[in-house]
Amino acid sequence: MALTTNGKEAVGNHLLAALPPEAYERLGPHLDPITFALGEVVYESGGHMRYVYFPTTSHISLLYTMIDGSTAEMGLVGKEGVVGIALFMGGETTPNRAMVQGGGDAFRMKSKAMLDEFKRGGEFQHLLLRYTQALITQISQTAVCNRLHSVEQRLCRWLLMTHDLAQSDELQMTHEFISNMLGVRREGVTMAAQRLQEMGMISYVRGHIQILDRSQLLAHVCECYQVVKDEHLRLLG
């Protein structure tokens, strides 16, 4: 089902922009604009969740942290979605951590205002549930990708996903940061990044990655990237 924006493209978040005018008017007074800094923690694993967040120019990683402190990214949320699905799926806590991967703006909404509108059972509820299904696909595909595909392919997938949300060819991140996202050793990321750089896909200098040839990244990436893109398009248009 294709979604229309009803003239609200300036909102910056696709879910909010797709709301019918009457639903947006009800929610508008409860949307507080905020700005996230790179590396900021939105919520911790097991913490009480009081808000949901609708990114506009920021993007946020959903991370799972093991007992030994090692981490891996399960999902990535930007202007296409919402952070805090546990609140409308029946819980107030979540086992994952949410951390800002790309600094920028978002809208914050208190859980009560969100749930009041969700329980009305209208388009807001339908949008959030379809987005949740798309996010589950992303999380599931990431798990499969991390098990079956090479570090090089996984790095291509992750760079393409980040590039889609960053709205810039310049990405600010270190190899250590990427290794935490992919759940692999830093040395593995360094070797994979060097190969991509040698093939002219990216340039990496002191924590800054520049996407040089997106078409080559698309040709080199595993199928997981397109599976997630296709499912999001099918569900949300």
Protein backbone atom coordinates (compact mmCIF):
# COMPACT_ATOMS: atom_id res chain seq x y z
CA MET A 1 0.00 0.00 0.00
CA ALA A 2 1.53 3.30 -1.07
CA LEU A 3 1.51 6.09 1.45
CA THR A 4 0.80 9.73 0.71
CA THR A 5 2.37 12.68 2.52
CA ASN A 6 -0.56 15.09 2.48
CA GLY A 7 1.75 18.05 1.94
CA LYS A 8 3.79 17.45 5.11
CA GLU A 9 7.15 16.66 3.46
CA ALA A 10 8.74 19.43 5.57
CA VAL A 11 8.14 17.32 8.69
CA GLY A 12 11.27 15.33 7.78
CA ASN A 13 10.12 11.97 9.16
CA HIS A 14 8.36 9.69 6.72
CA LEU A 15 5.94 8.16 9.22
CA LEU A 16 4.78 11.53 10.52
CA ALA A 17 4.55 12.93 7.00
CA ALA A 18 2.33 10.01 5.96
CA LEU A 19 -0.30 10.67 8.64
CA PRO A 20 -3.76 11.94 7.69
CA PRO A 21 -4.20 15.64 8.57
CA GLU A 22 -6.51 14.96 11.52
CA ALA A 23 -4.08 12.50 13.13
CA TYR A 24 -1.15 14.84 12.60
CA GLU A 25 -3.09 17.71 14.19
CA ARG A 26 -3.70 15.59 17.29
CA LEU A 27 -0.05 14.55 17.56
CA GLY A 28 1.57 17.83 16.52
CA PRO A 29 1.37 19.53 19.95
CA HIS A 30 3.14 16.51 21.51
CA LEU A 31 6.10 16.52 19.10
CA ASP A 32 9.12 18.20 20.70
CA PRO A 33 12.07 18.95 18.37
CA ILE A 34 15.41 17.79 19.78
CA THR A 35 18.98 17.53 18.51
CA PHE A 36 21.16 14.45 19.00
CA ALA A 37 24.96 14.47 19.14
CA LEU A 38 27.07 11.72 17.59
CA GLY A 39 27.52 8.89 20.09
CA GLU A 40 24.71 10.04 22.39
CA VAL A 41 22.82 7.22 24.12
CA VAL A 42 19.06 7.48 23.53
CA TYR A 43 18.24 4.69 25.95
CA GLU A 44 20.08 1.89 27.70
CA SER A 45 19.26 -1.81 27.65
CA GLY A 46 16.64 -2.57 30.29
CA GLY A 47 15.98 1.09 31.02
CA HIS A 48 12.48 2.48 31.44
CA MET A 49 11.34 4.07 28.18
CA ARG A 50 9.38 7.30 28.53
CA TYR A 51 9.54 8.54 24.93
CA VAL A 52 9.48 7.48 21.32
CA TYR A 53 11.69 9.29 18.82
CA PHE A 54 11.06 10.13 15.17
CA PRO A 55 14.43 10.93 13.54
CA THR A 56 14.56 13.53 10.78
CA THR A 57 18.23 14.23 10.01
CA SER A 58 19.73 11.93 12.67
CA HIS A 59 20.04 8.14 12.54
CA ILE A 60 20.19 5.76 15.46
CA SER A 61 21.72 2.31 15.92
CA LEU A 62 19.98 -0.41 17.90
CA LEU A 63 22.76 -2.35 19.61
CA TYR A 64 22.90 -5.56 21.58
CA THR A 65 25.60 -5.65 24.27
CA MET A 66 26.94 -8.94 25.59
CA ILE A 67 28.04 -9.60 29.17
CA ASP A 68 31.70 -9.13 28.18
CA GLY A 69 30.90 -5.68 26.74
CA SER A 70 31.12 -6.62 23.06
CA THR A 71 28.42 -5.11 20.87
CA ALA A 72 26.75 -5.63 17.51
CA GLU A 73 24.21 -3.56 15.64
CA MET A 74 20.80 -5.19 15.20
CA GLY A 75 19.07 -2.39 13.35
CA LEU A 76 19.44 1.14 12.06
CA VAL A 77 16.67 3.75 12.25
CA GLY A 78 16.54 7.09 10.46
CA LYS A 79 14.00 9.40 8.87
CA GLU A 80 11.98 6.42 7.64
CA GLY A 81 11.07 5.19 11.11
CA VAL A 82 10.67 5.46 14.86
CA VAL A 83 12.82 4.48 17.85
CA GLY A 84 11.03 2.87 20.79
CA ILE A 85 8.75 0.25 19.27
CA ALA A 86 8.68 -1.68 22.56
CA LEU A 87 6.33 0.95 23.98
CA PHE A 88 3.51 0.18 21.57
CA MET A 89 4.32 -3.52 21.30
CA GLY A 90 3.46 -4.09 24.94
CA GLY A 91 6.60 -3.32 26.94
CA GLU A 92 8.29 -0.40 28.65
CA THR A 93 11.84 -1.77 28.46
CA THR A 94 13.93 -3.37 25.72
CA PRO A 95 17.02 -5.62 25.78
CA ASN A 96 18.90 -3.46 23.28
CA ARG A 97 20.67 -0.12 23.53
CA ALA A 98 19.96 2.82 21.22
CA MET A 99 22.88 5.06 20.31
CA VAL A 100 23.16 7.95 17.86
CA GLN A 101 25.24 6.90 14.86
CA GLY A 102 24.65 10.11 12.93
CA GLY A 103 24.06 13.37 14.79
CA GLY A 104 21.11 15.53 13.80
CA ASP A 105 17.50 16.33 14.58
CA ALA A 106 14.47 14.32 15.67
CA PHE A 107 11.06 14.69 17.24
CA ARG A 108 10.43 13.30 20.71
CA MET A 109 6.99 12.27 21.95
CA LYS A 110 5.94 11.15 25.42
CA SER A 111 4.80 7.55 25.59
CA LYS A 112 1.29 8.43 26.82
CA ALA A 113 0.54 10.73 23.90
CA MET A 114 1.83 8.10 21.47
CA LEU A 115 -0.19 5.29 23.07
CA ASP A 116 -3.38 7.36 23.21
CA GLU A 117 -3.22 7.86 19.45
CA PHE A 118 -2.08 4.28 18.81
CA LYS A 119 -5.10 2.89 20.67
CA ARG A 120 -7.46 4.80 18.41
CA GLY A 121 -6.70 2.10 15.85
CA GLY A 122 -6.38 4.42 12.86
CA GLU A 123 -3.65 5.10 10.34
CA PHE A 124 -1.07 5.92 13.04
CA GLN A 125 -1.41 2.40 14.42
CA HIS A 126 -1.27 0.87 10.95
CA LEU A 127 1.85 2.85 10.06
CA LEU A 128 3.69 1.88 13.23
CA LEU A 129 2.81 -1.81 12.85
CA ARG A 130 3.90 -1.90 9.20
CA TYR A 131 7.12 -0.12 10.12
CA THR A 132 7.71 -2.64 12.93
CA GLN A 133 7.37 -5.49 10.43
CA ALA A 134 9.91 -3.78 8.17
CA LEU A 135 12.29 -3.32 11.12
CA ILE A 136 11.91 -6.98 12.10
CA THR A 137 12.94 -7.89 8.54
CA GLN A 138 15.99 -5.66 8.87
CA ILE A 139 16.97 -7.20 12.22
CA SER A 140 16.45 -10.75 10.92
CA GLN A 141 18.40 -10.10 7.73
CA THR A 142 21.24 -8.54 9.72
CA ALA A 143 21.48 -11.70 11.83
CA VAL A 144 21.63 -13.87 8.69
CA CYS A 145 24.16 -11.52 7.07
CA ASN A 146 26.45 -11.56 10.11
CA ARG A 147 26.43 -15.36 10.07
CA LEU A 148 26.81 -16.10 6.36
CA HIS A 149 28.56 -13.23 4.61
CA SER A 150 32.10 -11.90 4.60
CA VAL A 151 33.20 -8.85 6.58
CA GLU A 152 33.75 -7.07 3.27
CA GLN A 153 30.15 -7.67 2.13
CA ARG A 154 28.79 -6.72 5.54
CA LEU A 155 30.80 -3.51 5.51
CA CYS A 156 29.36 -2.67 2.07
CA ARG A 157 25.84 -3.28 3.38
CA TRP A 158 26.42 -1.14 6.43
CA LEU A 159 28.00 1.70 4.44
CA LEU A 160 25.11 1.72 1.97
CA MET A 161 22.49 1.77 4.75
CA THR A 162 24.32 4.59 6.50
CA HIS A 163 24.76 6.48 3.23
CA ASP A 164 21.00 6.25 2.60
CA LEU A 165 20.30 7.99 5.90
CA ALA A 166 23.23 10.38 6.19
CA GLN A 167 22.29 12.50 3.14
CA SER A 168 26.01 13.01 2.58
CA ASP A 169 28.93 11.21 0.96
CA GLU A 170 31.05 12.07 4.04
CA LEU A 171 30.65 9.68 6.98
CA GLN A 172 32.37 10.36 10.29
CA MET A 173 33.39 7.10 11.97
CA THR A 174 36.46 5.18 13.08
CA HIS A 175 37.30 1.55 12.36
CA GLU A 176 36.74 0.82 16.06
CA PHE A 177 33.22 2.29 15.82
CA ILE A 178 32.44 0.21 12.73
CA SER A 179 33.80 -2.94 14.40
CA ASN A 180 31.40 -2.36 17.30
CA MET A 181 28.50 -1.98 14.85
CA LEU A 182 29.36 -5.10 12.86
CA GLY A 183 30.42 -7.19 15.84
CA VAL A 184 33.83 -8.07 14.37
CA ARG A 185 37.43 -7.40 15.32
CA ARG A 186 38.87 -4.01 14.40
CA GLU A 187 41.58 -5.66 12.33
CA GLY A 188 38.93 -7.30 10.15
CA VAL A 189 37.26 -3.96 9.49
CA THR A 190 40.63 -2.36 8.68
CA MET A 191 41.44 -5.04 6.12
CA ALA A 192 37.98 -4.86 4.52
CA ALA A 193 38.08 -1.05 4.36
CA GLN A 194 41.52 -1.17 2.77
CA ARG A 195 40.23 -3.49 0.04
CA LEU A 196 37.26 -1.23 -0.66
CA GLN A 197 39.60 1.74 -0.81
CA GLU A 198 41.97 -0.05 -3.20
CA MET A 199 39.02 -0.76 -5.51
CA GLY A 200 38.05 2.93 -5.49
CA MET A 201 34.74 2.53 -3.64
CA ILE A 202 35.63 4.61 -0.58
CA SER A 203 38.31 6.89 0.81
CA TYR A 204 39.24 6.61 4.48
CA VAL A 205 41.29 9.24 6.32
CA ARG A 206 41.45 9.65 10.11
CA GLY A 207 37.92 8.71 11.06
CA HIS A 208 36.28 10.07 7.91
CA ILE A 209 34.93 7.80 5.19
CA GLN A 210 33.94 9.25 1.84
CA ILE A 211 31.73 7.27 -0.51
CA LEU A 212 33.42 7.52 -3.91
CA ASP A 213 31.56 4.97 -6.02
CA ARG A 214 28.13 3.89 -4.76
CA SER A 215 27.49 1.80 -7.88
CA GLN A 216 30.53 -0.35 -7.08
CA LEU A 217 29.35 -0.80 -3.50
CA LEU A 218 25.96 -1.93 -4.82
CA ALA A 219 27.65 -4.42 -7.16
CA HIS A 220 29.82 -5.77 -4.33
CA VAL A 221 27.25 -5.95 -1.51
CA CYS A 222 25.40 -9.14 -0.55
CA GLU A 223 21.67 -9.54 -1.25
CA CYS A 224 20.74 -8.53 2.31
CA TYR A 225 20.80 -4.82 1.53
CA GLN A 226 18.22 -5.10 -1.26
CA VAL A 227 16.02 -7.55 0.67
CA VAL A 228 15.58 -4.96 3.43
CA LYS A 229 15.02 -2.13 0.94
CA ASP A 230 12.39 -4.12 -0.97
CA GLU A 231 10.48 -5.11 2.15
CA HIS A 232 10.40 -1.51 3.40
CA LEU A 233 9.10 -0.38 0.01
CA ARG A 234 6.45 -3.09 0.00
CA LEU A 235 5.18 -2.20 3.45
CA LEU A 236 5.55 1.58 3.49
CA GLY A 237 5.84 2.74 -0.09
